[in-house]
């Protein structure tokens, strides 16, 4: 009868063997994929498509200024509270063109 430790050794040997076979198969598959891509003129972008935009990064970027106070040079993006220099005035006249 086989002991537990002998079975564990056999399992480890089989896992090493399986990993080696997998690595060999992966390299063959990658070579096949590369050959097909060259044959049909396929690029990685064709497979993956455009990369997704990271919305968190975009959310933390400062917004571009849309309004300018010519007397002080202060700007406002149109987001958030209206600045004091613009309160009671028509924003359209301060719009950056």
PDB file of N, CA and C in Angstrom:
ATOM      1  N   UNK A   1       0.841  -1.179   0.000  1.00  0.00           N
ATOM      2  CA  UNK A   1       0.000   0.000   0.000  1.00  0.00           C
ATOM      3  C   UNK A   1       0.893   1.252   0.000  1.00  0.00           C
ATOM      4  N   UNK A   2       0.466   2.281  -0.758  1.00  0.00           N
ATOM      5  CA  UNK A   2       1.213   3.521  -0.884  1.00  0.00           C
ATOM      6  C   UNK A   2       0.908   4.431   0.298  1.00  0.00           C
ATOM      7  N   UNK A   3       1.949   5.093   0.796  1.00  0.00           N
ATOM      8  CA  UNK A   3       1.750   5.996   1.933  1.00  0.00           C
ATOM      9  C   UNK A   3       1.350   7.385   1.445  1.00  0.00           C
ATOM     10  N   UNK A   4       0.882   8.161   2.399  1.00  0.00           N
ATOM     11  CA  UNK A   4       0.453   9.535   2.098  1.00  0.00           C
ATOM     12  C   UNK A   4       1.608  10.360   1.547  1.00  0.00           C
ATOM     13  N   UNK A   5       2.795  10.267   2.172  1.00  0.00           N
ATOM     14  CA  UNK A   5       3.932  11.063   1.699  1.00  0.00           C
ATOM     15  C   UNK A   5       4.384  10.623   0.310  1.00  0.00           C
ATOM     16  N   UNK A   6       4.278   9.388  -0.011  1.00  0.00           N
ATOM     17  CA  UNK A   6       4.627   8.930  -1.361  1.00  0.00           C
ATOM     18  C   UNK A   6       3.644   9.514  -2.384  1.00  0.00           C
ATOM     19  N   UNK A   7       2.375   9.543  -2.020  1.00  0.00           N
ATOM     20  CA  UNK A   7       1.371  10.133  -2.912  1.00  0.00           C
ATOM     21  C   UNK A   7       1.624  11.629  -3.102  1.00  0.00           C
ATOM     22  N   UNK A   8       2.000  12.318  -2.036  1.00  0.00           N
ATOM     23  CA  UNK A   8       2.298  13.744  -2.139  1.00  0.00           C
ATOM     24  C   UNK A   8       3.480  13.984  -3.082  1.00  0.00           C
ATOM     25  N   UNK A   9       4.497  13.156  -3.009  1.00  0.00           N
ATOM     26  CA  UNK A   9       5.648  13.270  -3.906  1.00  0.00           C
ATOM     27  C   UNK A   9       5.230  13.035  -5.353  1.00  0.00           C
ATOM     28  N   UNK A  10       4.360  12.057  -5.557  1.00  0.00           N
ATOM     29  CA  UNK A  10       3.867  11.782  -6.911  1.00  0.00           C
ATOM     30  C   UNK A  10       3.049  12.971  -7.438  1.00  0.00           C
ATOM     31  N   UNK A  11       2.241  13.564  -6.559  1.00  0.00           N
ATOM     32  CA  UNK A  11       1.434  14.733  -6.954  1.00  0.00           C
ATOM     33  C   UNK A  11       2.345  15.880  -7.366  1.00  0.00           C
ATOM     34  N   UNK A  12       3.386  16.148  -6.562  1.00  0.00           N
ATOM     35  CA  UNK A  12       4.313  17.229  -6.885  1.00  0.00           C
ATOM     36  C   UNK A  12       5.022  16.977  -8.212  1.00  0.00           C
ATOM     37  N   UNK A  13       5.425  15.729  -8.444  1.00  0.00           N
ATOM     38  CA  UNK A  13       6.104  15.391  -9.701  1.00  0.00           C
ATOM     39  C   UNK A  13       5.158  15.573 -10.882  1.00  0.00           C
ATOM     40  N   UNK A  14       3.909  15.159 -10.729  1.00  0.00           N
ATOM     41  CA  UNK A  14       2.936  15.310 -11.809  1.00  0.00           C
ATOM     42  C   UNK A  14       2.603  16.786 -12.059  1.00  0.00           C
ATOM     43  N   UNK A  15       2.555  17.592 -11.001  1.00  0.00           N
ATOM     44  CA  UNK A  15       2.293  19.018 -11.176  1.00  0.00           C
ATOM     45  C   UNK A  15       3.437  19.690 -11.928  1.00  0.00           C
ATOM     46  N   UNK A  16       4.675  19.330 -11.603  1.00  0.00           N
ATOM     47  CA  UNK A  16       5.826  19.884 -12.338  1.00  0.00           C
ATOM     48  C   UNK A  16       5.771  19.466 -13.805  1.00  0.00           C
ATOM     49  N   UNK A  17       5.438  18.217 -14.039  1.00  0.00           N
ATOM     50  CA  UNK A  17       5.339  17.705 -15.407  1.00  0.00           C
ATOM     51  C   UNK A  17       4.210  18.418 -16.159  1.00  0.00           C
ATOM     52  N   UNK A  18       3.072  18.615 -15.512  1.00  0.00           N
ATOM     53  CA  UNK A  18       1.939  19.292 -16.145  1.00  0.00           C
ATOM     54  C   UNK A  18       2.297  20.733 -16.482  1.00  0.00           C
ATOM     55  N   UNK A  19       3.010  21.417 -15.608  1.00  0.00           N
ATOM     56  CA  UNK A  19       3.406  22.801 -15.865  1.00  0.00           C
ATOM     57  C   UNK A  19       4.350  22.887 -17.059  1.00  0.00           C
ATOM     58  N   UNK A  20       5.275  21.937 -17.158  1.00  0.00           N
ATOM     59  CA  UNK A  20       6.200  21.913 -18.288  1.00  0.00           C
ATOM     60  C   UNK A  20       5.454  21.679 -19.605  1.00  0.00           C
ATOM     61  N   UNK A  21       4.519  20.768 -19.601  1.00  0.00           N
ATOM     62  CA  UNK A  21       3.719  20.492 -20.804  1.00  0.00           C
ATOM     63  C   UNK A  21       2.892  21.717 -21.171  1.00  0.00           C
ATOM     64  N   UNK A  22       2.321  22.373 -20.178  1.00  0.00           N
ATOM     65  CA  UNK A  22       1.531  23.580 -20.428  1.00  0.00           C
ATOM     66  C   UNK A  22       2.378  24.670 -21.056  1.00  0.00           C
ATOM     67  N   UNK A  23       3.581  24.889 -20.526  1.00  0.00           N
ATOM     68  CA  UNK A  23       4.468  25.912 -21.081  1.00  0.00           C
ATOM     69  C   UNK A  23       4.820  25.609 -22.533  1.00  0.00           C
ATOM     70  N   UNK A  24       5.067  24.334 -22.837  1.00  0.00           N
ATOM     71  CA  UNK A  24       5.369  23.949 -24.216  1.00  0.00           C
ATOM     72  C   UNK A  24       4.163  24.199 -25.121  1.00  0.00           C
ATOM     73  N   UNK A  25       2.984  23.866 -24.661  1.00  0.00           N
ATOM     74  CA  UNK A  25       1.778  24.064 -25.462  1.00  0.00           C
ATOM     75  C   UNK A  25       1.485  25.548 -25.658  1.00  0.00           C
ATOM     76  N   UNK A  26       1.706  26.349 -24.614  1.00  0.00           N
ATOM     77  CA  UNK A  26       1.452  27.787 -24.718  1.00  0.00           C
ATOM     78  C   UNK A  26       2.369  28.394 -25.772  1.00  0.00           C
ATOM     79  N   UNK A  27       3.629  28.034 -25.759  1.00  0.00           N
ATOM     80  CA  UNK A  27       4.540  28.603 -26.752  1.00  0.00           C
ATOM     81  C   UNK A  27       4.135  28.203 -28.167  1.00  0.00           C
ATOM     82  N   UNK A  28       3.640  26.988 -28.343  1.00  0.00           N
ATOM     83  CA  UNK A  28       3.163  26.549 -29.652  1.00  0.00           C
ATOM     84  C   UNK A  28       1.924  27.332 -30.065  1.00  0.00           C
ATOM     85  N   UNK A  29       1.007  27.534 -29.137  1.00  0.00           N
ATOM     86  CA  UNK A  29      -0.223  28.272 -29.433  1.00  0.00           C
ATOM     87  C   UNK A  29       0.093  29.732 -29.760  1.00  0.00           C
ATOM     88  N   UNK A  30       0.999  30.346 -29.005  1.00  0.00           N
ATOM     89  CA  UNK A  30       1.376  31.739 -29.264  1.00  0.00           C
ATOM     90  C   UNK A  30       1.991  31.860 -30.652  1.00  0.00           C
ATOM     91  N   UNK A  31       2.867  30.939 -31.019  1.00  0.00           N
ATOM     92  CA  UNK A  31       3.481  30.964 -32.343  1.00  0.00           C
ATOM     93  C   UNK A  31       2.421  30.817 -33.429  1.00  0.00           C
ATOM     94  N   UNK A  32       1.439  29.959 -33.209  1.00  0.00           N
ATOM     95  CA  UNK A  32       0.353  29.769 -34.175  1.00  0.00           C
ATOM     96  C   UNK A  32      -0.487  31.039 -34.310  1.00  0.00           C
ATOM     97  N   UNK A  33      -0.780  31.674 -33.191  1.00  0.00           N
ATOM     98  CA  UNK A  33      -1.571  32.914 -33.214  1.00  0.00           C
ATOM     99  C   UNK A  33      -0.810  34.009 -33.949  1.00  0.00           C
ATOM    100  N   UNK A  34       0.495  34.138 -33.659  1.00  0.00           N
ATOM    101  CA  UNK A  34       1.303  35.152 -34.339  1.00  0.00           C
ATOM    102  C   UNK A  34       1.334  34.918 -35.843  1.00  0.00           C
ATOM    103  N   UNK A  35       1.452  33.648 -36.253  1.00  0.00           N
ATOM    104  CA  UNK A  35       1.468  33.330 -37.678  1.00  0.00           C
ATOM    105  C   UNK A  35       0.139  33.706 -38.330  1.00  0.00           C
ATOM    106  N   UNK A  36      -0.967  33.403 -37.675  1.00  0.00           N
ATOM    107  CA  UNK A  36      -2.292  33.752 -38.219  1.00  0.00           C
ATOM    108  C   UNK A  36      -2.471  35.263 -38.293  1.00  0.00           C
ATOM    109  N   UNK A  37      -1.980  35.976 -37.282  1.00  0.00           N
ATOM    110  CA  UNK A  37      -2.103  37.429 -37.283  1.00  0.00           C
ATOM    111  C   UNK A  37      -1.323  38.025 -38.459  1.00  0.00           C
ATOM    112  N   UNK A  38      -0.127  37.506 -38.715  1.00  0.00           N
ATOM    113  CA  UNK A  38       0.657  38.003 -39.845  1.00  0.00           C
ATOM    114  C   UNK A  38      -0.009  37.640 -41.169  1.00  0.00           C
ATOM    115  N   UNK A  39      -0.531  36.443 -41.251  1.00  0.00           N
ATOM    116  CA  UNK A  39      -1.168  35.976 -42.488  1.00  0.00           C
ATOM    117  C   UNK A  39      -2.371  36.839 -42.859  1.00  0.00           C
ATOM    118  N   UNK A  40      -3.162  37.236 -41.873  1.00  0.00           N
ATOM    119  CA  UNK A  40      -4.378  38.000 -42.131  1.00  0.00           C
ATOM    120  C   UNK A  40      -4.228  39.497 -41.856  1.00  0.00           C
ATOM    121  N   UNK A  41      -3.035  39.924 -41.463  1.00  0.00           N
ATOM    122  CA  UNK A  41      -2.806  41.339 -41.208  1.00  0.00           C
ATOM    123  C   UNK A  41      -3.563  41.867 -39.992  1.00  0.00           C
ATOM    124  N   UNK A  42      -3.712  41.037 -38.986  1.00  0.00           N
ATOM    125  CA  UNK A  42      -4.437  41.413 -37.771  1.00  0.00           C
ATOM    126  C   UNK A  42      -3.458  42.015 -36.771  1.00  0.00           C
ATOM    127  N   UNK A  43      -3.860  43.104 -36.132  1.00  0.00           N
ATOM    128  CA  UNK A  43      -3.036  43.725 -35.100  1.00  0.00           C
ATOM    129  C   UNK A  43      -3.652  43.464 -33.732  1.00  0.00           C
ATOM    130  N   UNK A  44      -2.891  43.773 -32.697  1.00  0.00           N
ATOM    131  CA  UNK A  44      -3.394  43.611 -31.332  1.00  0.00           C
ATOM    132  C   UNK A  44      -4.606  44.520 -31.118  1.00  0.00           C
ATOM    133  N   UNK A  45      -4.572  45.722 -31.705  1.00  0.00           N
ATOM    134  CA  UNK A  45      -5.713  46.637 -31.577  1.00  0.00           C
ATOM    135  C   UNK A  45      -6.979  46.039 -32.178  1.00  0.00           C
ATOM    136  N   UNK A  46      -6.832  45.256 -33.252  1.00  0.00           N
ATOM    137  CA  UNK A  46      -7.999  44.594 -33.847  1.00  0.00           C
ATOM    138  C   UNK A  46      -8.616  43.604 -32.868  1.00  0.00           C
ATOM    139  N   UNK A  47      -7.783  42.964 -32.088  1.00  0.00           N
ATOM    140  CA  UNK A  47      -8.272  41.961 -31.137  1.00  0.00           C
ATOM    141  C   UNK A  47      -8.836  42.586 -29.877  1.00  0.00           C
ATOM    142  N   UNK A  48      -8.130  43.583 -29.357  1.00  0.00           N
ATOM    143  CA  UNK A  48      -8.488  44.160 -28.066  1.00  0.00           C
ATOM    144  C   UNK A  48      -9.469  45.311 -28.215  1.00  0.00           C
ATOM    145  N   UNK A  49      -9.340  46.069 -29.288  1.00  0.00           N
ATOM    146  CA  UNK A  49     -10.159  47.263 -29.452  1.00  0.00           C
ATOM    147  C   UNK A  49      -9.527  48.414 -28.692  1.00  0.00           C
ATOM    148  N   UNK A  50     -10.162  49.563 -28.717  1.00  0.00           N
ATOM    149  CA  UNK A  50      -9.591  50.711 -28.016  1.00  0.00           C
ATOM    150  C   UNK A  50      -9.561  50.470 -26.512  1.00  0.00           C
ATOM    151  N   UNK A  51      -8.533  50.991 -25.885  1.00  0.00           N
ATOM    152  CA  UNK A  51      -8.424  50.838 -24.438  1.00  0.00           C
ATOM    153  C   UNK A  51      -9.500  51.654 -23.742  1.00  0.00           C
ATOM    154  N   UNK A  52     -10.070  51.133 -22.675  1.00  0.00           N
ATOM    155  CA  UNK A  52     -11.107  51.887 -21.975  1.00  0.00           C
ATOM    156  C   UNK A  52     -10.528  53.129 -21.315  1.00  0.00           C
ATOM    157  N   UNK A  53     -11.315  54.162 -21.273  1.00  0.00           N
ATOM    158  CA  UNK A  53     -10.887  55.401 -20.645  1.00  0.00           C
ATOM    159  C   UNK A  53     -11.059  55.253 -19.146  1.00  0.00           C
ATOM    160  N   UNK A  54     -10.028  55.612 -18.407  1.00  0.00           N
ATOM    161  CA  UNK A  54     -10.100  55.531 -16.959  1.00  0.00           C
ATOM    162  C   UNK A  54     -10.881  56.743 -16.459  1.00  0.00           C
ATOM    163  N   UNK A  55     -12.123  56.529 -16.097  1.00  0.00           N
ATOM    164  CA  UNK A  55     -13.019  57.613 -15.701  1.00  0.00           C
ATOM    165  C   UNK A  55     -12.536  58.328 -14.432  1.00  0.00           C
ATOM    166  N   UNK A  56     -11.854  57.604 -13.538  1.00  0.00           N
ATOM    167  CA  UNK A  56     -11.374  58.241 -12.310  1.00  0.00           C
ATOM    168  C   UNK A  56     -10.342  59.308 -12.623  1.00  0.00           C
ATOM    169  N   UNK A  57      -9.453  59.011 -13.570  1.00  0.00           N
ATOM    170  CA  UNK A  57      -8.435  59.993 -13.941  1.00  0.00           C
ATOM    171  C   UNK A  57      -9.088  61.202 -14.575  1.00  0.00           C
ATOM    172  N   UNK A  58     -10.064  60.966 -15.450  1.00  0.00           N
ATOM    173  CA  UNK A  58     -10.746  62.082 -16.102  1.00  0.00           C
ATOM    174  C   UNK A  58     -11.509  62.939 -15.104  1.00  0.00           C
ATOM    175  N   UNK A  59     -12.072  62.318 -14.088  1.00  0.00           N
ATOM    176  CA  UNK A  59     -12.870  63.059 -13.112  1.00  0.00           C
ATOM    177  C   UNK A  59     -12.005  64.005 -12.287  1.00  0.00           C
ATOM    178  N   UNK A  60     -10.739  63.695 -12.109  1.00  0.00           N
ATOM    179  CA  UNK A  60      -9.875  64.513 -11.273  1.00  0.00           C
ATOM    180  C   UNK A  60      -9.055  65.529 -12.064  1.00  0.00           C
ATOM    181  N   UNK A  61      -9.220  65.519 -13.362  1.00  0.00           N
ATOM    182  CA  UNK A  61      -8.532  66.528 -14.167  1.00  0.00           C
ATOM    183  C   UNK A  61      -9.248  67.851 -14.018  1.00  0.00           C
ATOM    184  N   UNK A  62      -8.521  68.939 -13.934  1.00  0.00           N
ATOM    185  CA  UNK A  62      -9.181  70.241 -13.852  1.00  0.00           C
ATOM    186  C   UNK A  62      -9.894  70.541 -15.171  1.00  0.00           C
ATOM    187  N   UNK A  63     -11.070  71.146 -15.054  1.00  0.00           N
ATOM    188  CA  UNK A  63     -11.845  71.488 -16.239  1.00  0.00           C
ATOM    189  C   UNK A  63     -11.233  72.708 -16.918  1.00  0.00           C
ATOM    190  N   UNK A  64     -11.417  72.787 -18.218  1.00  0.00           N
ATOM    191  CA  UNK A  64     -10.896  73.906 -18.989  1.00  0.00           C
ATOM    192  C   UNK A  64     -11.724  75.159 -18.695  1.00  0.00           C
ATOM    193  N   UNK A  65     -11.056  76.285 -18.602  1.00  0.00           N
ATOM    194  CA  UNK A  65     -11.732  77.553 -18.301  1.00  0.00           C
ATOM    195  C   UNK A  65     -12.636  77.955 -19.461  1.00  0.00           C
ATOM    196  N   UNK A  66     -13.865  78.410 -19.120  1.00  0.00           N
ATOM    197  CA  UNK A  66     -14.818  78.861 -20.127  1.00  0.00           C
ATOM    198  C   UNK A  66     -15.124  80.350 -20.006  1.00  0.00           C
ATOM    199  N   UNK A  67     -14.838  80.911 -18.834  1.00  0.00           N
ATOM    200  CA  UNK A  67     -15.144  82.317 -18.584  1.00  0.00           C
ATOM    201  C   UNK A  67     -13.899  83.015 -18.051  1.00  0.00           C
ATOM    202  N   UNK A  68     -13.709  84.275 -18.450  1.00  0.00           N
ATOM    203  CA  UNK A  68     -12.528  85.036 -18.065  1.00  0.00           C
ATOM    204  C   UNK A  68     -12.942  86.431 -17.618  1.00  0.00           C
ATOM    205  N   UNK A  69     -12.418  86.848 -16.453  1.00  0.00           N
ATOM    206  CA  UNK A  69     -12.613  88.222 -15.990  1.00  0.00           C
ATOM    207  C   UNK A  69     -11.436  89.027 -16.527  1.00  0.00           C
ATOM    208  N   UNK A  70     -11.659  89.887 -17.524  1.00  0.00           N
ATOM    209  CA  UNK A  70     -10.546  90.601 -18.140  1.00  0.00           C
ATOM    210  C   UNK A  70      -9.836  91.558 -17.184  1.00  0.00           C
ATOM    211  N   UNK A  71     -10.526  92.050 -16.179  1.00  0.00           N
ATOM    212  CA  UNK A  71      -9.888  93.008 -15.270  1.00  0.00           C
ATOM    213  C   UNK A  71      -8.915  92.336 -14.302  1.00  0.00           C
ATOM    214  N   UNK A  72      -9.210  91.107 -13.876  1.00  0.00           N
ATOM    215  CA  UNK A  72      -8.326  90.421 -12.911  1.00  0.00           C
ATOM    216  C   UNK A  72      -7.592  89.233 -13.533  1.00  0.00           C
ATOM    217  N   UNK A  73      -8.082  88.736 -14.661  1.00  0.00           N
ATOM    218  CA  UNK A  73      -7.465  87.561 -15.283  1.00  0.00           C
ATOM    219  C   UNK A  73      -7.931  86.258 -14.675  1.00  0.00           C
ATOM    220  N   UNK A  74      -8.889  86.310 -13.738  1.00  0.00           N
ATOM    221  CA  UNK A  74      -9.404  85.101 -13.106  1.00  0.00           C
ATOM    222  C   UNK A  74     -10.312  84.372 -14.093  1.00  0.00           C
ATOM    223  N   UNK A  75     -10.337  83.049 -13.980  1.00  0.00           N
ATOM    224  CA  UNK A  75     -11.154  82.238 -14.879  1.00  0.00           C
ATOM    225  C   UNK A  75     -12.101  81.360 -14.081  1.00  0.00           C
ATOM    226  N   UNK A  76     -13.102  80.831 -14.805  1.00  0.00           N
ATOM    227  CA  UNK A  76     -14.070  79.898 -14.212  1.00  0.00           C
ATOM    228  C   UNK A  76     -14.433  78.882 -15.275  1.00  0.00           C
ATOM    229  N   UNK A  77     -14.537  77.629 -14.874  1.00  0.00           N
ATOM    230  CA  UNK A  77     -14.831  76.554 -15.820  1.00  0.00           C
ATOM    231  C   UNK A  77     -16.322  76.391 -16.077  1.00  0.00           C
ATOM    232  N   UNK A  78     -17.150  77.015 -15.264  1.00  0.00           N
ATOM    233  CA  UNK A  78     -18.594  76.818 -15.386  1.00  0.00           C
ATOM    234  C   UNK A  78     -19.092  75.732 -14.447  1.00  0.00           C
ATOM    235  N   UNK A  79     -18.191  75.125 -13.705  1.00  0.00           N
ATOM    236  CA  UNK A  79     -18.560  74.085 -12.744  1.00  0.00           C
ATOM    237  C   UNK A  79     -18.493  74.671 -11.340  1.00  0.00           C
ATOM    238  N   UNK A  80     -19.320  74.148 -10.486  1.00  0.00           N
ATOM    239  CA  UNK A  80     -19.296  74.597  -9.096  1.00  0.00           C
ATOM    240  C   UNK A  80     -19.977  75.938  -8.924  1.00  0.00           C
ATOM    241  N   UNK A  81     -19.721  76.559  -7.773  1.00  0.00           N
ATOM    242  CA  UNK A  81     -20.344  77.848  -7.471  1.00  0.00           C
ATOM    243  C   UNK A  81     -19.831  78.933  -8.402  1.00  0.00           C
ATOM    244  N   UNK A  82     -20.706  79.846  -8.716  1.00  0.00           N
ATOM    245  CA  UNK A  82     -20.338  80.975  -9.559  1.00  0.00           C
ATOM    246  C   UNK A  82     -19.388  81.869  -8.764  1.00  0.00           C
ATOM    247  N   UNK A  83     -18.283  82.324  -9.369  1.00  0.00           N
ATOM    248  CA  UNK A  83     -17.331  83.166  -8.642  1.00  0.00           C
ATOM    249  C   UNK A  83     -17.919  84.540  -8.348  1.00  0.00           C
ATOM    250  N   UNK A  84     -17.379  85.188  -7.339  1.00  0.00           N
ATOM    251  CA  UNK A  84     -17.886  86.501  -6.910  1.00  0.00           C
ATOM    252  C   UNK A  84     -17.805  87.537  -8.024  1.00  0.00           C
ATOM    253  N   UNK A  85     -16.771  87.485  -8.832  1.00  0.00           N
ATOM    254  CA  UNK A  85     -16.632  88.484  -9.885  1.00  0.00           C
ATOM    255  C   UNK A  85     -17.702  88.344 -10.968  1.00  0.00           C
ATOM    256  N   UNK A  86     -18.424  87.212 -10.970  1.00  0.00           N
ATOM    257  CA  UNK A  86     -19.433  86.967 -11.990  1.00  0.00           C
ATOM    258  C   UNK A  86     -20.860  87.090 -11.445  1.00  0.00           C
ATOM    259  N   UNK A  87     -21.019  87.192 -10.137  1.00  0.00           N
ATOM    260  CA  UNK A  87     -22.344  87.285  -9.527  1.00  0.00           C
ATOM    261  C   UNK A  87     -23.028  88.579  -9.979  1.00  0.00           C
ATOM    262  N   UNK A  88     -24.265  88.443 -10.425  1.00  0.00           N
ATOM    263  CA  UNK A  88     -25.056  89.595 -10.859  1.00  0.00           C
ATOM    264  C   UNK A  88     -24.720  90.077 -12.258  1.00  0.00           C
ATOM    265  N   UNK A  89     -23.849  89.364 -12.967  1.00  0.00           N
ATOM    266  CA  UNK A  89     -23.468  89.757 -14.320  1.00  0.00           C
ATOM    267  C   UNK A  89     -23.886  88.658 -15.295  1.00  0.00           C
ATOM    268  N   UNK A  90     -23.960  88.990 -16.534  1.00  0.00           N
ATOM    269  CA  UNK A  90     -24.317  88.031 -17.577  1.00  0.00           C
ATOM    270  C   UNK A  90     -23.075  87.225 -17.940  1.00  0.00           C
ATOM    271  N   UNK A  91     -23.058  85.889 -17.693  1.00  0.00           N
ATOM    272  CA  UNK A  91     -21.865  85.088 -17.967  1.00  0.00           C
ATOM    273  C   UNK A  91     -21.450  85.099 -19.441  1.00  0.00           C
ATOM    274  N   UNK A  92     -22.405  85.240 -20.348  1.00  0.00           N
ATOM    275  CA  UNK A  92     -22.096  85.176 -21.772  1.00  0.00           C
ATOM    276  C   UNK A  92     -21.102  86.237 -22.217  1.00  0.00           C
ATOM    277  N   UNK A  93     -21.090  87.367 -21.579  1.00  0.00           N
ATOM    278  CA  UNK A  93     -20.166  88.420 -21.984  1.00  0.00           C
ATOM    279  C   UNK A  93     -18.731  88.142 -21.561  1.00  0.00           C
ATOM    280  N   UNK A  94     -18.545  87.178 -20.648  1.00  0.00           N
ATOM    281  CA  UNK A  94     -17.221  86.819 -20.171  1.00  0.00           C
ATOM    282  C   UNK A  94     -16.736  85.484 -20.776  1.00  0.00           C
ATOM    283  N   UNK A  95     -17.523  84.946 -21.678  1.00  0.00           N
ATOM    284  CA  UNK A  95     -17.217  83.652 -22.286  1.00  0.00           C
ATOM    285  C   UNK A  95     -15.922  83.736 -23.092  1.00  0.00           C
ATOM    286  N   UNK A  96     -15.054  82.758 -22.908  1.00  0.00           N
ATOM    287  CA  UNK A  96     -13.806  82.690 -23.671  1.00  0.00           C
ATOM    288  C   UNK A  96     -14.141  82.104 -25.035  1.00  0.00           C
ATOM    289  N   UNK A  97     -13.669  82.771 -26.078  1.00  0.00           N
ATOM    290  CA  UNK A  97     -13.994  82.322 -27.441  1.00  0.00           C
ATOM    291  C   UNK A  97     -12.896  81.529 -28.040  1.00  0.00           C
TER     292      UNK A  97
END
